[in-house]
Amino acid sequence: MLSTCSRPTSATSLRENPFTEILGDLLGCGIFNVDGELWSTQRKLASHEFSTKSLREFVVMTLQEEVENRLIPLLEAAVEAKSVLDLQDLLRRFAFDIVCRVSLGTDPSCLDLSLPIPPLVKAFDSASEISAMRGMAPVYAVWKAKKLFNLGAERRLKEAIKLVHDAVSEIVKTKKRVLENDREGKLGSDLLSRLLLAGHGEEVVRDMVISFIMAGERHNISGHDLAVLAAFKTSKLGGDDCERGEIIA
């Protein structure tokens, strides 16, 4: 059981490579940024949870619901209206919905195009992008100096990370209260609930789910997959008689 997430300094705890510094502010003690005992404990826990039949069934059910109730109706509406869809934006919204529902048990409703993209999504994208820019910097001392003096991109990164950490922490606390009142044990299908029910500390859980969100969001379905789905659904809707909406990448 992991109850706290103190910043380890030994070679067996933090990965001895530049990525530790690059991603450390965002990922904290998450599985992708640690080594040794912390990594082993989180890997065993994640491996156990993702191998359970109930979680696999929950993932499949969530994916099916998102596709049937949101993605396909959205494509159907585009077909009927002969409208243009931004494919990359659509895939990003779809992926974030799935990842948040499975990892956090919350529904950001990103596929509802009538709603603005949630601040958490923008902050997560900004934090990921600026963290990646650290790795492309020709001299590490440049971004480290900007971080020290809170300048430019490092100031924006600090703000984005604070928003991500605060938002996820609040979700963790809310979920913990809900689980405490769930006397019948009907809740707890999502990954966050399982980690909290296992007795792990809030900060550890926060860093773990942020790592899983980052992994899930960055490995969404490809444009080809969605194009195949759209073509298949269009053929079912009416074949040659059904006009296909224009989709751009």
C-alpha atoms as a PDB file:
ATOM      1  CA  MET A   1       0.000   0.000   0.000  1.00  0.00           C
ATOM      2  CA  LEU A   2       1.237   3.479  -0.891  1.00  0.00           C
ATOM      3  CA  SER A   3      -0.031   6.221   1.386  1.00  0.00           C
ATOM      4  CA  THR A   4       2.301   9.122   0.603  1.00  0.00           C
ATOM      5  CA  CYS A   5       4.303  10.301  -2.361  1.00  0.00           C
ATOM      6  CA  SER A   6       7.433  11.983  -1.092  1.00  0.00           C
ATOM      7  CA  ARG A   7       9.868  12.974  -3.798  1.00  0.00           C
ATOM      8  CA  PRO A   8      12.472  10.205  -3.733  1.00  0.00           C
ATOM      9  CA  THR A   9      16.070  11.066  -4.496  1.00  0.00           C
ATOM     10  CA  SER A  10      17.805   7.706  -4.573  1.00  0.00           C
ATOM     11  CA  ALA A  11      18.820   6.055  -7.830  1.00  0.00           C
ATOM     12  CA  THR A  12      16.469   3.183  -7.115  1.00  0.00           C
ATOM     13  CA  SER A  13      13.438   5.441  -6.853  1.00  0.00           C
ATOM     14  CA  LEU A  14      13.745   8.110  -9.521  1.00  0.00           C
ATOM     15  CA  ARG A  15      14.674   7.179 -13.056  1.00  0.00           C
ATOM     16  CA  GLU A  16      18.240   8.254 -13.729  1.00  0.00           C
ATOM     17  CA  ASN A  17      17.628  10.024 -17.040  1.00  0.00           C
ATOM     18  CA  PRO A  18      16.668  13.517 -18.234  1.00  0.00           C
ATOM     19  CA  PHE A  19      13.006  12.571 -18.553  1.00  0.00           C
ATOM     20  CA  THR A  20      12.718  12.535 -14.769  1.00  0.00           C
ATOM     21  CA  GLU A  21      13.296  16.275 -14.685  1.00  0.00           C
ATOM     22  CA  ILE A  22      11.356  16.964 -17.871  1.00  0.00           C
ATOM     23  CA  LEU A  23       8.171  15.188 -16.793  1.00  0.00           C
ATOM     24  CA  GLY A  24       8.596  15.222 -13.030  1.00  0.00           C
ATOM     25  CA  ASP A  25       6.546  18.366 -12.396  1.00  0.00           C
ATOM     26  CA  LEU A  26       3.551  16.944 -14.265  1.00  0.00           C
ATOM     27  CA  LEU A  27       3.742  13.228 -13.460  1.00  0.00           C
ATOM     28  CA  GLY A  28       5.116  13.462  -9.914  1.00  0.00           C
ATOM     29  CA  CYS A  29       5.529   9.968  -8.501  1.00  0.00           C
ATOM     30  CA  GLY A  30       3.474   8.361 -11.265  1.00  0.00           C
ATOM     31  CA  ILE A  31       4.538   5.038 -12.720  1.00  0.00           C
ATOM     32  CA  PHE A  32       6.231   6.561 -15.784  1.00  0.00           C
ATOM     33  CA  ASN A  33       8.536   8.753 -13.731  1.00  0.00           C
ATOM     34  CA  VAL A  34       9.822   6.448 -10.993  1.00  0.00           C
ATOM     35  CA  ASP A  35      11.870   3.296 -10.649  1.00  0.00           C
ATOM     36  CA  GLY A  36      12.709   0.744  -7.986  1.00  0.00           C
ATOM     37  CA  GLU A  37      10.162   0.029  -5.272  1.00  0.00           C
ATOM     38  CA  LEU A  38       7.751   2.783  -6.275  1.00  0.00           C
ATOM     39  CA  TRP A  39       7.660   1.548  -9.872  1.00  0.00           C
ATOM     40  CA  SER A  40       7.372  -2.101  -8.862  1.00  0.00           C
ATOM     41  CA  THR A  41       4.501  -1.441  -6.462  1.00  0.00           C
ATOM     42  CA  GLN A  42       2.547   0.626  -8.977  1.00  0.00           C
ATOM     43  CA  ARG A  43       3.193  -1.855 -11.781  1.00  0.00           C
ATOM     44  CA  LYS A  44       1.907  -4.764  -9.700  1.00  0.00           C
ATOM     45  CA  LEU A  45      -1.163  -2.789  -8.712  1.00  0.00           C
ATOM     46  CA  ALA A  46      -1.893  -1.635 -12.266  1.00  0.00           C
ATOM     47  CA  SER A  47      -1.256  -5.093 -13.673  1.00  0.00           C
ATOM     48  CA  HIS A  48      -3.651  -6.617 -11.170  1.00  0.00           C
ATOM     49  CA  GLU A  49      -6.400  -4.073 -11.732  1.00  0.00           C
ATOM     50  CA  PHE A  50      -6.229  -4.148 -15.520  1.00  0.00           C
ATOM     51  CA  SER A  51      -6.259  -7.939 -15.532  1.00  0.00           C
ATOM     52  CA  THR A  52      -9.534  -8.156 -13.614  1.00  0.00           C
ATOM     53  CA  LYS A  53     -12.533  -9.206 -15.646  1.00  0.00           C
ATOM     54  CA  SER A  54     -14.754  -6.520 -14.138  1.00  0.00           C
ATOM     55  CA  LEU A  55     -12.463  -3.666 -15.236  1.00  0.00           C
ATOM     56  CA  ARG A  56     -12.086  -5.111 -18.732  1.00  0.00           C
ATOM     57  CA  GLU A  57     -15.855  -5.362 -19.006  1.00  0.00           C
ATOM     58  CA  PHE A  58     -16.187  -1.782 -17.757  1.00  0.00           C
ATOM     59  CA  VAL A  59     -13.737  -0.567 -20.422  1.00  0.00           C
ATOM     60  CA  VAL A  60     -15.622  -2.385 -23.182  1.00  0.00           C
ATOM     61  CA  MET A  61     -18.977  -1.100 -21.935  1.00  0.00           C
ATOM     62  CA  THR A  62     -17.674   2.481 -21.738  1.00  0.00           C
ATOM     63  CA  LEU A  63     -16.195   2.309 -25.227  1.00  0.00           C
ATOM     64  CA  GLN A  64     -19.413   0.863 -26.636  1.00  0.00           C
ATOM     65  CA  GLU A  65     -21.531   3.546 -24.993  1.00  0.00           C
ATOM     66  CA  GLU A  66     -19.270   6.348 -26.206  1.00  0.00           C
ATOM     67  CA  VAL A  67     -19.290   5.055 -29.778  1.00  0.00           C
ATOM     68  CA  GLU A  68     -22.994   4.230 -30.014  1.00  0.00           C
ATOM     69  CA  ASN A  69     -24.419   7.156 -28.053  1.00  0.00           C
ATOM     70  CA  ARG A  70     -22.038   9.944 -29.047  1.00  0.00           C
ATOM     71  CA  LEU A  71     -19.558   9.239 -31.818  1.00  0.00           C
ATOM     72  CA  ILE A  72     -21.875   7.574 -34.329  1.00  0.00           C
ATOM     73  CA  PRO A  73     -24.765  10.046 -33.792  1.00  0.00           C
ATOM     74  CA  LEU A  74     -22.261  12.863 -34.291  1.00  0.00           C
ATOM     75  CA  LEU A  75     -21.099  11.348 -37.578  1.00  0.00           C
ATOM     76  CA  GLU A  76     -24.684  10.712 -38.644  1.00  0.00           C
ATOM     77  CA  ALA A  77     -25.554  14.345 -37.985  1.00  0.00           C
ATOM     78  CA  ALA A  78     -22.561  15.442 -40.062  1.00  0.00           C
ATOM     79  CA  VAL A  79     -23.702  13.190 -42.898  1.00  0.00           C
ATOM     80  CA  GLU A  80     -27.230  14.594 -42.861  1.00  0.00           C
ATOM     81  CA  ALA A  81     -26.076  18.198 -42.568  1.00  0.00           C
ATOM     82  CA  LYS A  82     -23.208  17.718 -45.040  1.00  0.00           C
ATOM     83  CA  SER A  83     -21.045  19.512 -42.518  1.00  0.00           C
ATOM     84  CA  VAL A  84     -17.307  19.542 -41.934  1.00  0.00           C
ATOM     85  CA  LEU A  85     -15.719  17.847 -38.917  1.00  0.00           C
ATOM     86  CA  ASP A  86     -12.208  18.422 -37.658  1.00  0.00           C
ATOM     87  CA  LEU A  87     -10.996  14.824 -37.410  1.00  0.00           C
ATOM     88  CA  GLN A  88      -8.075  15.497 -35.077  1.00  0.00           C
ATOM     89  CA  ASP A  89     -10.236  17.473 -32.679  1.00  0.00           C
ATOM     90  CA  LEU A  90     -12.924  14.776 -32.795  1.00  0.00           C
ATOM     91  CA  LEU A  91     -10.427  12.021 -32.000  1.00  0.00           C
ATOM     92  CA  ARG A  92      -8.942  14.029 -29.158  1.00  0.00           C
ATOM     93  CA  ARG A  93     -12.351  14.644 -27.615  1.00  0.00           C
ATOM     94  CA  PHE A  94     -13.321  10.983 -28.039  1.00  0.00           C
ATOM     95  CA  ALA A  95     -10.082   9.741 -26.451  1.00  0.00           C
ATOM     96  CA  PHE A  96     -10.290  12.096 -23.488  1.00  0.00           C
ATOM     97  CA  ASP A  97     -13.903  11.090 -22.791  1.00  0.00           C
ATOM     98  CA  ILE A  98     -12.950   7.408 -22.715  1.00  0.00           C
ATOM     99  CA  VAL A  99      -9.814   7.910 -20.631  1.00  0.00           C
ATOM    100  CA  CYS A 100     -11.565  10.084 -18.035  1.00  0.00           C
ATOM    101  CA  ARG A 101     -14.557   7.751 -17.702  1.00  0.00           C
ATOM    102  CA  VAL A 102     -12.340   4.690 -17.272  1.00  0.00           C
ATOM    103  CA  SER A 103      -9.599   6.274 -15.138  1.00  0.00           C
ATOM    104  CA  LEU A 104     -11.516   8.833 -13.079  1.00  0.00           C
ATOM    105  CA  GLY A 105     -15.136   7.751 -13.309  1.00  0.00           C
ATOM    106  CA  THR A 106     -16.027  11.267 -14.510  1.00  0.00           C
ATOM    107  CA  ASP A 107     -17.573  12.267 -17.829  1.00  0.00           C
ATOM    108  CA  PRO A 108     -16.142  15.462 -19.371  1.00  0.00           C
ATOM    109  CA  SER A 109     -18.582  15.194 -22.321  1.00  0.00           C
ATOM    110  CA  CYS A 110     -15.936  16.365 -24.767  1.00  0.00           C
ATOM    111  CA  LEU A 111     -17.840  14.896 -27.719  1.00  0.00           C
ATOM    112  CA  ASP A 112     -20.670  17.338 -27.122  1.00  0.00           C
ATOM    113  CA  LEU A 113     -19.512  19.929 -29.647  1.00  0.00           C
ATOM    114  CA  SER A 114     -21.987  22.456 -28.313  1.00  0.00           C
ATOM    115  CA  LEU A 115     -19.895  22.678 -25.148  1.00  0.00           C
ATOM    116  CA  PRO A 116     -16.443  24.261 -24.864  1.00  0.00           C
ATOM    117  CA  ILE A 117     -13.488  22.005 -24.203  1.00  0.00           C
ATOM    118  CA  PRO A 118     -13.166  21.610 -20.396  1.00  0.00           C
ATOM    119  CA  PRO A 119     -10.330  23.596 -18.758  1.00  0.00           C
ATOM    120  CA  LEU A 120      -8.756  20.334 -17.567  1.00  0.00           C
ATOM    121  CA  VAL A 121      -8.340  19.180 -21.173  1.00  0.00           C
ATOM    122  CA  LYS A 122      -6.703  22.441 -22.234  1.00  0.00           C
ATOM    123  CA  ALA A 123      -4.450  22.447 -19.181  1.00  0.00           C
ATOM    124  CA  PHE A 124      -3.428  18.830 -19.750  1.00  0.00           C
ATOM    125  CA  ASP A 125      -2.603  19.494 -23.399  1.00  0.00           C
ATOM    126  CA  SER A 126      -0.656  22.637 -22.494  1.00  0.00           C
ATOM    127  CA  ALA A 127       1.304  20.891 -19.731  1.00  0.00           C
ATOM    128  CA  SER A 128       2.136  17.946 -22.000  1.00  0.00           C
ATOM    129  CA  GLU A 129       3.209  20.206 -24.866  1.00  0.00           C
ATOM    130  CA  ILE A 130       5.431  22.468 -22.773  1.00  0.00           C
ATOM    131  CA  SER A 131       6.963  19.480 -20.970  1.00  0.00           C
ATOM    132  CA  ALA A 132       7.813  18.019 -24.390  1.00  0.00           C
ATOM    133  CA  MET A 133       9.387  21.340 -25.380  1.00  0.00           C
ATOM    134  CA  ARG A 134      11.760  20.926 -22.446  1.00  0.00           C
ATOM    135  CA  GLY A 135      13.102  17.787 -24.058  1.00  0.00           C
ATOM    136  CA  MET A 136      13.699  19.573 -27.366  1.00  0.00           C
ATOM    137  CA  ALA A 137      15.612  22.446 -25.781  1.00  0.00           C
ATOM    138  CA  PRO A 138      19.238  22.426 -27.031  1.00  0.00           C
ATOM    139  CA  VAL A 139      20.470  23.487 -23.595  1.00  0.00           C
ATOM    140  CA  TYR A 140      18.646  22.299 -20.477  1.00  0.00           C
ATOM    141  CA  ALA A 141      19.922  25.294 -18.536  1.00  0.00           C
ATOM    142  CA  VAL A 142      17.592  27.533 -20.570  1.00  0.00           C
ATOM    143  CA  TRP A 143      14.303  26.012 -19.402  1.00  0.00           C
ATOM    144  CA  LYS A 144      15.704  25.470 -15.919  1.00  0.00           C
ATOM    145  CA  ALA A 145      16.514  29.174 -15.691  1.00  0.00           C
ATOM    146  CA  LYS A 146      13.025  30.070 -16.928  1.00  0.00           C
ATOM    147  CA  LYS A 147      11.571  27.751 -14.302  1.00  0.00           C
ATOM    148  CA  LEU A 148      13.700  29.287 -11.576  1.00  0.00           C
ATOM    149  CA  PHE A 149      12.551  32.811 -12.434  1.00  0.00           C
ATOM    150  CA  ASN A 150       9.002  31.766 -13.442  1.00  0.00           C
ATOM    151  CA  LEU A 151       9.273  33.135 -16.986  1.00  0.00           C
ATOM    152  CA  GLY A 152       7.644  32.437 -20.349  1.00  0.00           C
ATOM    153  CA  ALA A 153       6.649  28.847 -21.096  1.00  0.00           C
ATOM    154  CA  GLU A 154       7.724  27.685 -17.643  1.00  0.00           C
ATOM    155  CA  ARG A 155       5.266  30.088 -16.042  1.00  0.00           C
ATOM    156  CA  ARG A 156       2.481  28.751 -18.276  1.00  0.00           C
ATOM    157  CA  LEU A 157       3.566  25.190 -17.469  1.00  0.00           C
ATOM    158  CA  LYS A 158       3.411  25.887 -13.747  1.00  0.00           C
ATOM    159  CA  GLU A 159      -0.105  27.290 -14.104  1.00  0.00           C
ATOM    160  CA  ALA A 160      -1.274  24.370 -16.263  1.00  0.00           C
ATOM    161  CA  ILE A 161       0.184  21.753 -13.901  1.00  0.00           C
ATOM    162  CA  LYS A 162      -1.455  23.436 -10.927  1.00  0.00           C
ATOM    163  CA  LEU A 163      -4.807  23.314 -12.703  1.00  0.00           C
ATOM    164  CA  VAL A 164      -4.336  19.630 -13.602  1.00  0.00           C
ATOM    165  CA  HIS A 165      -3.203  18.629 -10.103  1.00  0.00           C
ATOM    166  CA  ASP A 166      -5.924  20.658  -8.380  1.00  0.00           C
ATOM    167  CA  ALA A 167      -8.663  19.338 -10.671  1.00  0.00           C
ATOM    168  CA  VAL A 168      -7.605  15.698 -10.338  1.00  0.00           C
ATOM    169  CA  SER A 169      -7.092  16.079  -6.583  1.00  0.00           C
ATOM    170  CA  GLU A 170     -10.626  17.428  -6.226  1.00  0.00           C
ATOM    171  CA  ILE A 171     -11.975  14.513  -8.273  1.00  0.00           C
ATOM    172  CA  VAL A 172     -10.042  12.113  -6.020  1.00  0.00           C
ATOM    173  CA  LYS A 173     -11.449  13.706  -2.851  1.00  0.00           C
ATOM    174  CA  THR A 174     -14.996  13.710  -4.228  1.00  0.00           C
ATOM    175  CA  LYS A 175     -14.698  10.086  -5.305  1.00  0.00           C
ATOM    176  CA  LYS A 176     -13.376   9.142  -1.872  1.00  0.00           C
ATOM    177  CA  ARG A 177     -16.414  10.728  -0.195  1.00  0.00           C
ATOM    178  CA  VAL A 178     -18.770   8.976  -2.595  1.00  0.00           C
ATOM    179  CA  LEU A 179     -17.155   5.608  -1.924  1.00  0.00           C
ATOM    180  CA  GLU A 180     -17.372   6.161   1.837  1.00  0.00           C
ATOM    181  CA  ASN A 181     -21.134   6.600   1.482  1.00  0.00           C
ATOM    182  CA  ASP A 182     -21.509   3.666  -0.902  1.00  0.00           C
ATOM    183  CA  ARG A 183     -22.537   1.127   1.706  1.00  0.00           C
ATOM    184  CA  GLU A 184     -23.983  -1.294  -0.831  1.00  0.00           C
ATOM    185  CA  GLY A 185     -20.758  -1.415  -2.833  1.00  0.00           C
ATOM    186  CA  LYS A 186     -22.456  -0.663  -6.148  1.00  0.00           C
ATOM    187  CA  LEU A 187     -19.784   1.825  -7.225  1.00  0.00           C
ATOM    188  CA  GLY A 188     -16.094   1.316  -7.870  1.00  0.00           C
ATOM    189  CA  SER A 189     -15.846   0.114 -11.493  1.00  0.00           C
ATOM    190  CA  ASP A 190     -13.429   2.827 -12.619  1.00  0.00           C
ATOM    191  CA  LEU A 191      -9.693   2.713 -11.949  1.00  0.00           C
ATOM    192  CA  LEU A 192      -9.715   5.613  -9.479  1.00  0.00           C
ATOM    193  CA  SER A 193     -12.290   3.897  -7.270  1.00  0.00           C
ATOM    194  CA  ARG A 194     -10.276   0.684  -7.295  1.00  0.00           C
ATOM    195  CA  LEU A 195      -7.090   2.488  -6.255  1.00  0.00           C
ATOM    196  CA  LEU A 196      -8.860   4.294  -3.416  1.00  0.00           C
ATOM    197  CA  LEU A 197     -10.610   1.133  -2.240  1.00  0.00           C
ATOM    198  CA  ALA A 198      -7.186  -0.539  -2.115  1.00  0.00           C
ATOM    199  CA  GLY A 199      -6.240   2.009   0.542  1.00  0.00           C
ATOM    200  CA  HIS A 200      -3.687   4.122  -1.323  1.00  0.00           C
ATOM    201  CA  GLY A 201      -3.101   7.762  -0.404  1.00  0.00           C
ATOM    202  CA  GLU A 202      -4.704  10.602  -2.323  1.00  0.00           C
ATOM    203  CA  GLU A 203      -1.453  12.072  -3.672  1.00  0.00           C
ATOM    204  CA  VAL A 204      -0.209   8.678  -4.862  1.00  0.00           C
ATOM    205  CA  VAL A 205      -3.523   7.984  -6.546  1.00  0.00           C
ATOM    206  CA  ARG A 206      -3.503  11.445  -8.147  1.00  0.00           C
ATOM    207  CA  ASP A 207      -0.081  10.893  -9.717  1.00  0.00           C
ATOM    208  CA  MET A 208      -0.985   7.398 -10.859  1.00  0.00           C
ATOM    209  CA  VAL A 209      -4.194   8.384 -12.628  1.00  0.00           C
ATOM    210  CA  ILE A 210      -2.498  11.396 -14.254  1.00  0.00           C
ATOM    211  CA  SER A 211       0.050   8.983 -15.740  1.00  0.00           C
ATOM    212  CA  PHE A 212      -2.717   6.718 -17.008  1.00  0.00           C
ATOM    213  CA  ILE A 213      -4.630   9.655 -18.481  1.00  0.00           C
ATOM    214  CA  MET A 214      -1.499  10.818 -20.286  1.00  0.00           C
ATOM    215  CA  ALA A 215      -0.848   7.329 -21.649  1.00  0.00           C
ATOM    216  CA  GLY A 216      -4.452   6.836 -22.729  1.00  0.00           C
ATOM    217  CA  GLU A 217      -4.869  10.223 -24.337  1.00  0.00           C
ATOM    218  CA  ARG A 218      -1.655   9.941 -26.324  1.00  0.00           C
ATOM    219  CA  HIS A 219      -2.584   6.525 -27.710  1.00  0.00           C
ATOM    220  CA  ASN A 220      -6.022   7.161 -29.166  1.00  0.00           C
ATOM    221  CA  ILE A 221      -7.484   5.588 -32.274  1.00  0.00           C
ATOM    222  CA  SER A 222      -6.084   6.686 -35.608  1.00  0.00           C
ATOM    223  CA  GLY A 223      -7.785   8.724 -38.279  1.00  0.00           C
ATOM    224  CA  HIS A 224      -7.837   5.630 -40.470  1.00  0.00           C
ATOM    225  CA  ASP A 225      -9.810   3.721 -37.835  1.00  0.00           C
ATOM    226  CA  LEU A 226     -12.420   6.474 -37.625  1.00  0.00           C
ATOM    227  CA  ALA A 227     -12.621   6.764 -41.408  1.00  0.00           C
ATOM    228  CA  VAL A 228     -13.313   3.037 -41.656  1.00  0.00           C
ATOM    229  CA  LEU A 229     -15.972   3.342 -38.962  1.00  0.00           C
ATOM    230  CA  ALA A 230     -17.567   6.304 -40.727  1.00  0.00           C
ATOM    231  CA  ALA A 231     -17.567   4.524 -44.084  1.00  0.00           C
ATOM    232  CA  PHE A 232     -19.044   1.385 -42.561  1.00  0.00           C
ATOM    233  CA  LYS A 233     -21.763   3.303 -40.751  1.00  0.00           C
ATOM    234  CA  THR A 234     -22.543   5.347 -43.858  1.00  0.00           C
ATOM    235  CA  SER A 235     -23.008   2.187 -45.902  1.00  0.00           C
ATOM    236  CA  LYS A 236     -25.419   0.887 -43.258  1.00  0.00           C
ATOM    237  CA  LEU A 237     -27.355   4.149 -43.294  1.00  0.00           C
ATOM    238  CA  GLY A 238     -28.110   4.084 -46.967  1.00  0.00           C
ATOM    239  CA  GLY A 239     -25.270   3.026 -49.171  1.00  0.00           C
ATOM    240  CA  ASP A 240     -25.036   5.069 -52.385  1.00  0.00           C
ATOM    241  CA  ASP A 241     -28.139   7.068 -51.534  1.00  0.00           C
ATOM    242  CA  CYS A 242     -26.614   8.528 -48.395  1.00  0.00           C
ATOM    243  CA  GLU A 243     -24.378  11.571 -48.761  1.00  0.00           C
ATOM    244  CA  ARG A 244     -21.273  11.422 -46.630  1.00  0.00           C
ATOM    245  CA  GLY A 245     -20.297  14.442 -44.536  1.00  0.00           C
ATOM    246  CA  GLU A 246     -16.909  15.918 -45.282  1.00  0.00           C
ATOM    247  CA  ILE A 247     -14.266  15.063 -42.692  1.00  0.00           C
ATOM    248  CA  ILE A 248     -10.963  16.841 -42.577  1.00  0.00           C
ATOM    249  CA  ALA A 249      -7.805  15.823 -40.715  1.00  0.00           C
END
